[in-house]
Amino acid sequence: MEAPHIEIHGFSHVGKVREENQDAIRICSQEEHPVDTQGHLYGIADGMGGYSNGGMASDIALTALFEAFYLDPRSTVSQRLRQGVQNANTQIIQTVMKDHLPPMGTTLTAVHLHGHTVHLAHVGDSRVYLVRDRVTWCLTKDHTRVGELVRMKLLPPEKARTHNQRSVLNRCVGLELFVQPDIEAVTVQEGDLL
């Protein structure tokens, strides 16, 4: 099976509310990682605005994820993604303790592409969408209080966008000792957008 042609673009903007952009994007490179045999890894992290050093947390999370993912090629992709997220979590907590910093956290979402299979690892509310034939599906679930209320059918989806707690995370990387990422796998085809 021929590997798909991949076109990559990343863009981040501080927006209208905050003064500091705490987003981080990481794209695997042929020079750094064995993408031919282990696939392509892409990640995005969005530091938690209500905490100090969200940008630092984002950078630490992506660095730890990538290092752990490409370290042990014998494990499955799901195992490597899960371990990478846990390593990111541990690294942030250790940095806070070692440098006597206030708590910091981030969302962390990663996409791994090998052949026509995409694996996702997701914590927080930085979403992954799949666009195919002009139809869009959200492949991730927001780990927010409001997202939980919508899934429990206690809040209608149309109210979620304007709810005053729509950005309050109930799962993130860096604030608890253990983190449980959502891990999914989907098949992609020519022309898909993620």
C-alpha atoms as a PDB file:
ATOM      1  CA  MET A   1       0.000   0.000   0.000  1.00  0.00           C
ATOM      2  CA  GLU A   2       1.438   3.359  -1.023  1.00  0.00           C
ATOM      3  CA  ALA A   3       1.858   5.938   1.741  1.00  0.00           C
ATOM      4  CA  PRO A   4      -0.457   8.931   1.425  1.00  0.00           C
ATOM      5  CA  HIS A   5       0.799  12.343   0.348  1.00  0.00           C
ATOM      6  CA  ILE A   6       0.873  14.563   3.437  1.00  0.00           C
ATOM      7  CA  GLU A   7       0.535  18.324   3.454  1.00  0.00           C
ATOM      8  CA  ILE A   8       1.063  20.014   6.835  1.00  0.00           C
ATOM      9  CA  HIS A   9       0.067  23.480   8.007  1.00  0.00           C
ATOM     10  CA  GLY A  10       0.016  24.995  11.471  1.00  0.00           C
ATOM     11  CA  PHE A  11      -1.243  28.345  12.702  1.00  0.00           C
ATOM     12  CA  SER A  12      -1.740  29.805  16.136  1.00  0.00           C
ATOM     13  CA  HIS A  13      -3.092  33.196  17.186  1.00  0.00           C
ATOM     14  CA  VAL A  14      -3.318  34.836  20.605  1.00  0.00           C
ATOM     15  CA  GLY A  15      -6.969  35.783  20.013  1.00  0.00           C
ATOM     16  CA  LYS A  16      -8.892  38.728  21.439  1.00  0.00           C
ATOM     17  CA  VAL A  17      -9.051  37.805  25.131  1.00  0.00           C
ATOM     18  CA  ARG A  18      -5.500  37.000  26.296  1.00  0.00           C
ATOM     19  CA  GLU A  19      -2.236  38.915  26.005  1.00  0.00           C
ATOM     20  CA  GLU A  20      -0.042  35.808  25.786  1.00  0.00           C
ATOM     21  CA  ASN A  21      -0.288  32.899  23.371  1.00  0.00           C
ATOM     22  CA  GLN A  22       0.227  29.656  25.312  1.00  0.00           C
ATOM     23  CA  ASP A  23      -0.195  27.336  22.315  1.00  0.00           C
ATOM     24  CA  ALA A  24       2.540  25.062  21.042  1.00  0.00           C
ATOM     25  CA  ILE A  25       2.595  23.010  17.836  1.00  0.00           C
ATOM     26  CA  ARG A  26       5.077  20.256  17.054  1.00  0.00           C
ATOM     27  CA  ILE A  27       5.565  18.438  13.772  1.00  0.00           C
ATOM     28  CA  CYS A  28       7.820  15.412  13.368  1.00  0.00           C
ATOM     29  CA  SER A  29      10.736  15.786  11.031  1.00  0.00           C
ATOM     30  CA  GLN A  30      12.598  13.224   8.955  1.00  0.00           C
ATOM     31  CA  GLU A  31      15.890  14.479  10.415  1.00  0.00           C
ATOM     32  CA  GLU A  32      14.841  13.902  14.043  1.00  0.00           C
ATOM     33  CA  HIS A  33      12.612  10.832  13.861  1.00  0.00           C
ATOM     34  CA  PRO A  34      12.342   7.593  11.826  1.00  0.00           C
ATOM     35  CA  VAL A  35       9.036   8.537  10.167  1.00  0.00           C
ATOM     36  CA  ASP A  36       9.419   5.954   7.383  1.00  0.00           C
ATOM     37  CA  THR A  37       9.231   3.053   9.822  1.00  0.00           C
ATOM     38  CA  GLN A  38       7.409   4.610  12.789  1.00  0.00           C
ATOM     39  CA  GLY A  39       5.076   7.083  11.129  1.00  0.00           C
ATOM     40  CA  HIS A  40       4.428  10.785  11.460  1.00  0.00           C
ATOM     41  CA  LEU A  41       3.531  12.353  14.811  1.00  0.00           C
ATOM     42  CA  TYR A  42       1.943  15.782  15.167  1.00  0.00           C
ATOM     43  CA  GLY A  43       0.906  17.494  18.377  1.00  0.00           C
ATOM     44  CA  ILE A  44      -0.772  20.587  19.726  1.00  0.00           C
ATOM     45  CA  ALA A  45      -0.896  21.806  23.300  1.00  0.00           C
ATOM     46  CA  ASP A  46      -2.756  24.792  24.699  1.00  0.00           C
ATOM     47  CA  GLY A  47      -1.557  26.047  28.074  1.00  0.00           C
ATOM     48  CA  MET A  48      -4.210  26.685  30.670  1.00  0.00           C
ATOM     49  CA  GLY A  49      -4.839  30.421  30.766  1.00  0.00           C
ATOM     50  CA  GLY A  50      -5.951  30.500  34.399  1.00  0.00           C
ATOM     51  CA  TYR A  51      -2.553  29.196  35.522  1.00  0.00           C
ATOM     52  CA  SER A  52       0.968  30.582  35.316  1.00  0.00           C
ATOM     53  CA  ASN A  53       3.424  29.312  32.737  1.00  0.00           C
ATOM     54  CA  GLY A  54       0.879  27.735  30.383  1.00  0.00           C
ATOM     55  CA  GLY A  55       3.231  28.269  27.452  1.00  0.00           C
ATOM     56  CA  MET A  56       6.015  26.476  29.318  1.00  0.00           C
ATOM     57  CA  ALA A  57       3.647  23.589  30.123  1.00  0.00           C
ATOM     58  CA  SER A  58       2.723  23.301  26.428  1.00  0.00           C
ATOM     59  CA  ASP A  59       6.358  23.157  25.321  1.00  0.00           C
ATOM     60  CA  ILE A  60       7.293  20.613  28.004  1.00  0.00           C
ATOM     61  CA  ALA A  61       4.314  18.418  27.129  1.00  0.00           C
ATOM     62  CA  LEU A  62       5.107  18.229  23.417  1.00  0.00           C
ATOM     63  CA  THR A  63       8.820  17.611  23.970  1.00  0.00           C
ATOM     64  CA  ALA A  64       8.122  14.793  26.446  1.00  0.00           C
ATOM     65  CA  LEU A  65       5.454  13.252  24.203  1.00  0.00           C
ATOM     66  CA  PHE A  66       7.726  13.146  21.148  1.00  0.00           C
ATOM     67  CA  GLU A  67      10.732  11.810  23.082  1.00  0.00           C
ATOM     68  CA  ALA A  68       8.688   8.995  24.644  1.00  0.00           C
ATOM     69  CA  PHE A  69       6.846   8.119  21.438  1.00  0.00           C
ATOM     70  CA  TYR A  70       9.926   7.528  19.292  1.00  0.00           C
ATOM     71  CA  LEU A  71      11.942   5.924  22.116  1.00  0.00           C
ATOM     72  CA  ASP A  72      10.455   2.397  22.059  1.00  0.00           C
ATOM     73  CA  PRO A  73       9.387   1.229  18.582  1.00  0.00           C
ATOM     74  CA  ARG A  74       8.511  -2.279  19.882  1.00  0.00           C
ATOM     75  CA  SER A  75       5.426  -1.053  21.768  1.00  0.00           C
ATOM     76  CA  THR A  76       2.145  -0.481  19.948  1.00  0.00           C
ATOM     77  CA  VAL A  77       1.248   3.003  18.765  1.00  0.00           C
ATOM     78  CA  SER A  78      -1.483   3.222  21.425  1.00  0.00           C
ATOM     79  CA  GLN A  79       0.958   2.236  24.167  1.00  0.00           C
ATOM     80  CA  ARG A  80       3.535   4.768  22.973  1.00  0.00           C
ATOM     81  CA  LEU A  81       0.946   7.549  22.818  1.00  0.00           C
ATOM     82  CA  ARG A  82      -0.382   6.694  26.288  1.00  0.00           C
ATOM     83  CA  GLN A  83       3.175   6.588  27.698  1.00  0.00           C
ATOM     84  CA  GLY A  84       4.041   9.861  25.960  1.00  0.00           C
ATOM     85  CA  VAL A  85       1.084  11.651  27.535  1.00  0.00           C
ATOM     86  CA  GLN A  86       1.940  10.257  30.971  1.00  0.00           C
ATOM     87  CA  ASN A  87       5.591  11.312  30.522  1.00  0.00           C
ATOM     88  CA  ALA A  88       4.405  14.803  29.578  1.00  0.00           C
ATOM     89  CA  ASN A  89       2.277  14.925  32.714  1.00  0.00           C
ATOM     90  CA  THR A  90       5.136  13.739  34.931  1.00  0.00           C
ATOM     91  CA  GLN A  91       7.633  16.131  33.353  1.00  0.00           C
ATOM     92  CA  ILE A  92       5.394  19.157  34.008  1.00  0.00           C
ATOM     93  CA  ILE A  93       4.829  18.155  37.645  1.00  0.00           C
ATOM     94  CA  GLN A  94       8.562  17.556  38.159  1.00  0.00           C
ATOM     95  CA  THR A  95       9.403  20.950  36.632  1.00  0.00           C
ATOM     96  CA  VAL A  96       6.928  22.679  38.957  1.00  0.00           C
ATOM     97  CA  MET A  97       8.426  20.947  42.004  1.00  0.00           C
ATOM     98  CA  LYS A  98      12.086  21.322  40.994  1.00  0.00           C
ATOM     99  CA  ASP A  99      11.827  25.009  40.042  1.00  0.00           C
ATOM    100  CA  HIS A 100       9.329  25.935  42.812  1.00  0.00           C
ATOM    101  CA  LEU A 101       6.787  27.197  40.282  1.00  0.00           C
ATOM    102  CA  PRO A 102       3.055  27.608  40.730  1.00  0.00           C
ATOM    103  CA  PRO A 103       0.924  24.781  39.246  1.00  0.00           C
ATOM    104  CA  MET A 104       0.715  24.737  35.456  1.00  0.00           C
ATOM    105  CA  GLY A 105      -1.236  22.664  32.996  1.00  0.00           C
ATOM    106  CA  THR A 106      -2.051  22.234  29.337  1.00  0.00           C
ATOM    107  CA  THR A 107      -4.245  20.395  26.910  1.00  0.00           C
ATOM    108  CA  LEU A 108      -2.453  17.850  24.739  1.00  0.00           C
ATOM    109  CA  THR A 109      -3.700  16.365  21.490  1.00  0.00           C
ATOM    110  CA  ALA A 110      -1.567  14.227  19.186  1.00  0.00           C
ATOM    111  CA  VAL A 111      -2.187  12.661  15.791  1.00  0.00           C
ATOM    112  CA  HIS A 112      -0.029   9.812  14.529  1.00  0.00           C
ATOM    113  CA  LEU A 113      -0.233   8.840  10.860  1.00  0.00           C
ATOM    114  CA  HIS A 114       1.277   5.646   9.486  1.00  0.00           C
ATOM    115  CA  GLY A 115       0.005   4.423   6.139  1.00  0.00           C
ATOM    116  CA  HIS A 116      -3.744   5.008   6.151  1.00  0.00           C
ATOM    117  CA  THR A 117      -4.237   4.677   9.910  1.00  0.00           C
ATOM    118  CA  VAL A 118      -4.467   7.642  12.258  1.00  0.00           C
ATOM    119  CA  HIS A 119      -4.131   7.186  16.002  1.00  0.00           C
ATOM    120  CA  LEU A 120      -5.226  10.024  18.292  1.00  0.00           C
ATOM    121  CA  ALA A 121      -4.258  10.784  21.880  1.00  0.00           C
ATOM    122  CA  HIS A 122      -6.345  13.485  23.490  1.00  0.00           C
ATOM    123  CA  VAL A 123      -6.558  15.285  26.839  1.00  0.00           C
ATOM    124  CA  GLY A 124      -8.439  18.567  27.235  1.00  0.00           C
ATOM    125  CA  ASP A 125     -10.377  20.529  24.654  1.00  0.00           C
ATOM    126  CA  SER A 126      -8.026  20.980  21.680  1.00  0.00           C
ATOM    127  CA  ARG A 127     -10.129  19.117  19.138  1.00  0.00           C
ATOM    128  CA  VAL A 128      -9.358  16.957  16.125  1.00  0.00           C
ATOM    129  CA  TYR A 129     -11.762  17.104  13.194  1.00  0.00           C
ATOM    130  CA  LEU A 130     -11.877  14.877  10.128  1.00  0.00           C
ATOM    131  CA  VAL A 131     -13.150  16.482   6.933  1.00  0.00           C
ATOM    132  CA  ARG A 132     -14.064  14.036   4.168  1.00  0.00           C
ATOM    133  CA  ASP A 133     -16.104  14.843   1.073  1.00  0.00           C
ATOM    134  CA  ARG A 134     -17.233  18.158   2.618  1.00  0.00           C
ATOM    135  CA  VAL A 135     -18.564  16.426   5.747  1.00  0.00           C
ATOM    136  CA  THR A 136     -16.924  17.214   9.101  1.00  0.00           C
ATOM    137  CA  TRP A 137     -16.744  14.928  12.154  1.00  0.00           C
ATOM    138  CA  CYS A 138     -15.258  15.812  15.512  1.00  0.00           C
ATOM    139  CA  LEU A 139     -13.060  12.862  16.514  1.00  0.00           C
ATOM    140  CA  THR A 140     -12.415  13.992  20.099  1.00  0.00           C
ATOM    141  CA  LYS A 141     -14.545  14.758  23.140  1.00  0.00           C
ATOM    142  CA  ASP A 142     -13.956  17.902  25.153  1.00  0.00           C
ATOM    143  CA  HIS A 143     -12.768  17.152  28.666  1.00  0.00           C
ATOM    144  CA  THR A 144     -14.675  20.083  30.129  1.00  0.00           C
ATOM    145  CA  ARG A 145     -17.464  20.421  32.661  1.00  0.00           C
ATOM    146  CA  VAL A 146     -19.790  21.632  29.932  1.00  0.00           C
ATOM    147  CA  GLY A 147     -18.766  18.828  27.559  1.00  0.00           C
ATOM    148  CA  GLU A 148     -19.623  16.337  30.274  1.00  0.00           C
ATOM    149  CA  LEU A 149     -23.023  17.980  30.822  1.00  0.00           C
ATOM    150  CA  VAL A 150     -23.782  17.747  27.091  1.00  0.00           C
ATOM    151  CA  ARG A 151     -22.764  14.062  26.936  1.00  0.00           C
ATOM    152  CA  MET A 152     -24.973  13.353  29.979  1.00  0.00           C
ATOM    153  CA  LYS A 153     -27.822  15.190  28.163  1.00  0.00           C
ATOM    154  CA  LEU A 154     -28.143  17.666  31.032  1.00  0.00           C
ATOM    155  CA  LEU A 155     -27.296  20.589  28.752  1.00  0.00           C
ATOM    156  CA  PRO A 156     -28.421  20.998  25.129  1.00  0.00           C
ATOM    157  CA  PRO A 157     -25.471  21.202  22.685  1.00  0.00           C
ATOM    158  CA  GLU A 158     -26.591  24.616  21.413  1.00  0.00           C
ATOM    159  CA  LYS A 159     -26.111  26.077  24.933  1.00  0.00           C
ATOM    160  CA  ALA A 160     -22.547  24.780  25.313  1.00  0.00           C
ATOM    161  CA  ARG A 161     -20.905  27.531  23.237  1.00  0.00           C
ATOM    162  CA  THR A 162     -22.232  30.333  25.453  1.00  0.00           C
ATOM    163  CA  HIS A 163     -22.132  28.577  28.848  1.00  0.00           C
ATOM    164  CA  ASN A 164     -20.018  30.476  31.396  1.00  0.00           C
ATOM    165  CA  GLN A 165     -17.996  27.328  32.256  1.00  0.00           C
ATOM    166  CA  ARG A 166     -17.394  26.120  28.690  1.00  0.00           C
ATOM    167  CA  SER A 167     -13.594  26.387  29.086  1.00  0.00           C
ATOM    168  CA  VAL A 168     -13.277  24.804  32.531  1.00  0.00           C
ATOM    169  CA  LEU A 169     -11.289  21.599  32.005  1.00  0.00           C
ATOM    170  CA  ASN A 170     -11.988  18.479  34.033  1.00  0.00           C
ATOM    171  CA  ARG A 171      -8.982  16.667  32.531  1.00  0.00           C
ATOM    172  CA  CYS A 172      -5.626  18.168  31.561  1.00  0.00           C
ATOM    173  CA  VAL A 173      -1.902  17.445  31.586  1.00  0.00           C
ATOM    174  CA  GLY A 174       0.208  18.638  34.513  1.00  0.00           C
ATOM    175  CA  LEU A 175      -2.109  19.052  37.489  1.00  0.00           C
ATOM    176  CA  GLU A 176      -2.769  15.484  38.698  1.00  0.00           C
ATOM    177  CA  LEU A 177      -0.316  12.614  39.262  1.00  0.00           C
ATOM    178  CA  PHE A 178      -1.918  10.467  36.580  1.00  0.00           C
ATOM    179  CA  VAL A 179      -3.722  11.401  33.401  1.00  0.00           C
ATOM    180  CA  GLN A 180      -5.914   9.196  31.222  1.00  0.00           C
ATOM    181  CA  PRO A 181      -5.812  10.208  27.546  1.00  0.00           C
ATOM    182  CA  ASP A 182      -8.512   9.171  25.106  1.00  0.00           C
ATOM    183  CA  ILE A 183      -6.878   6.945  22.479  1.00  0.00           C
ATOM    184  CA  GLU A 184      -8.653   6.321  19.158  1.00  0.00           C
ATOM    185  CA  ALA A 185      -7.770   4.892  15.754  1.00  0.00           C
ATOM    186  CA  VAL A 186      -9.406   5.785  12.430  1.00  0.00           C
ATOM    187  CA  THR A 187      -8.710   4.946   8.812  1.00  0.00           C
ATOM    188  CA  VAL A 188      -8.060   7.850   6.462  1.00  0.00           C
ATOM    189  CA  GLN A 189      -8.233   8.072   2.706  1.00  0.00           C
ATOM    190  CA  GLU A 190      -6.925  10.297  -0.048  1.00  0.00           C
ATOM    191  CA  GLY A 191      -8.289  13.826   0.237  1.00  0.00           C
ATOM    192  CA  ASP A 192      -9.085  13.689   3.983  1.00  0.00           C
ATOM    193  CA  LEU A 193      -8.257  16.710   6.122  1.00  0.00           C
ATOM    194  CA  LEU A 194      -7.416  16.495   9.824  1.00  0.00           C
END
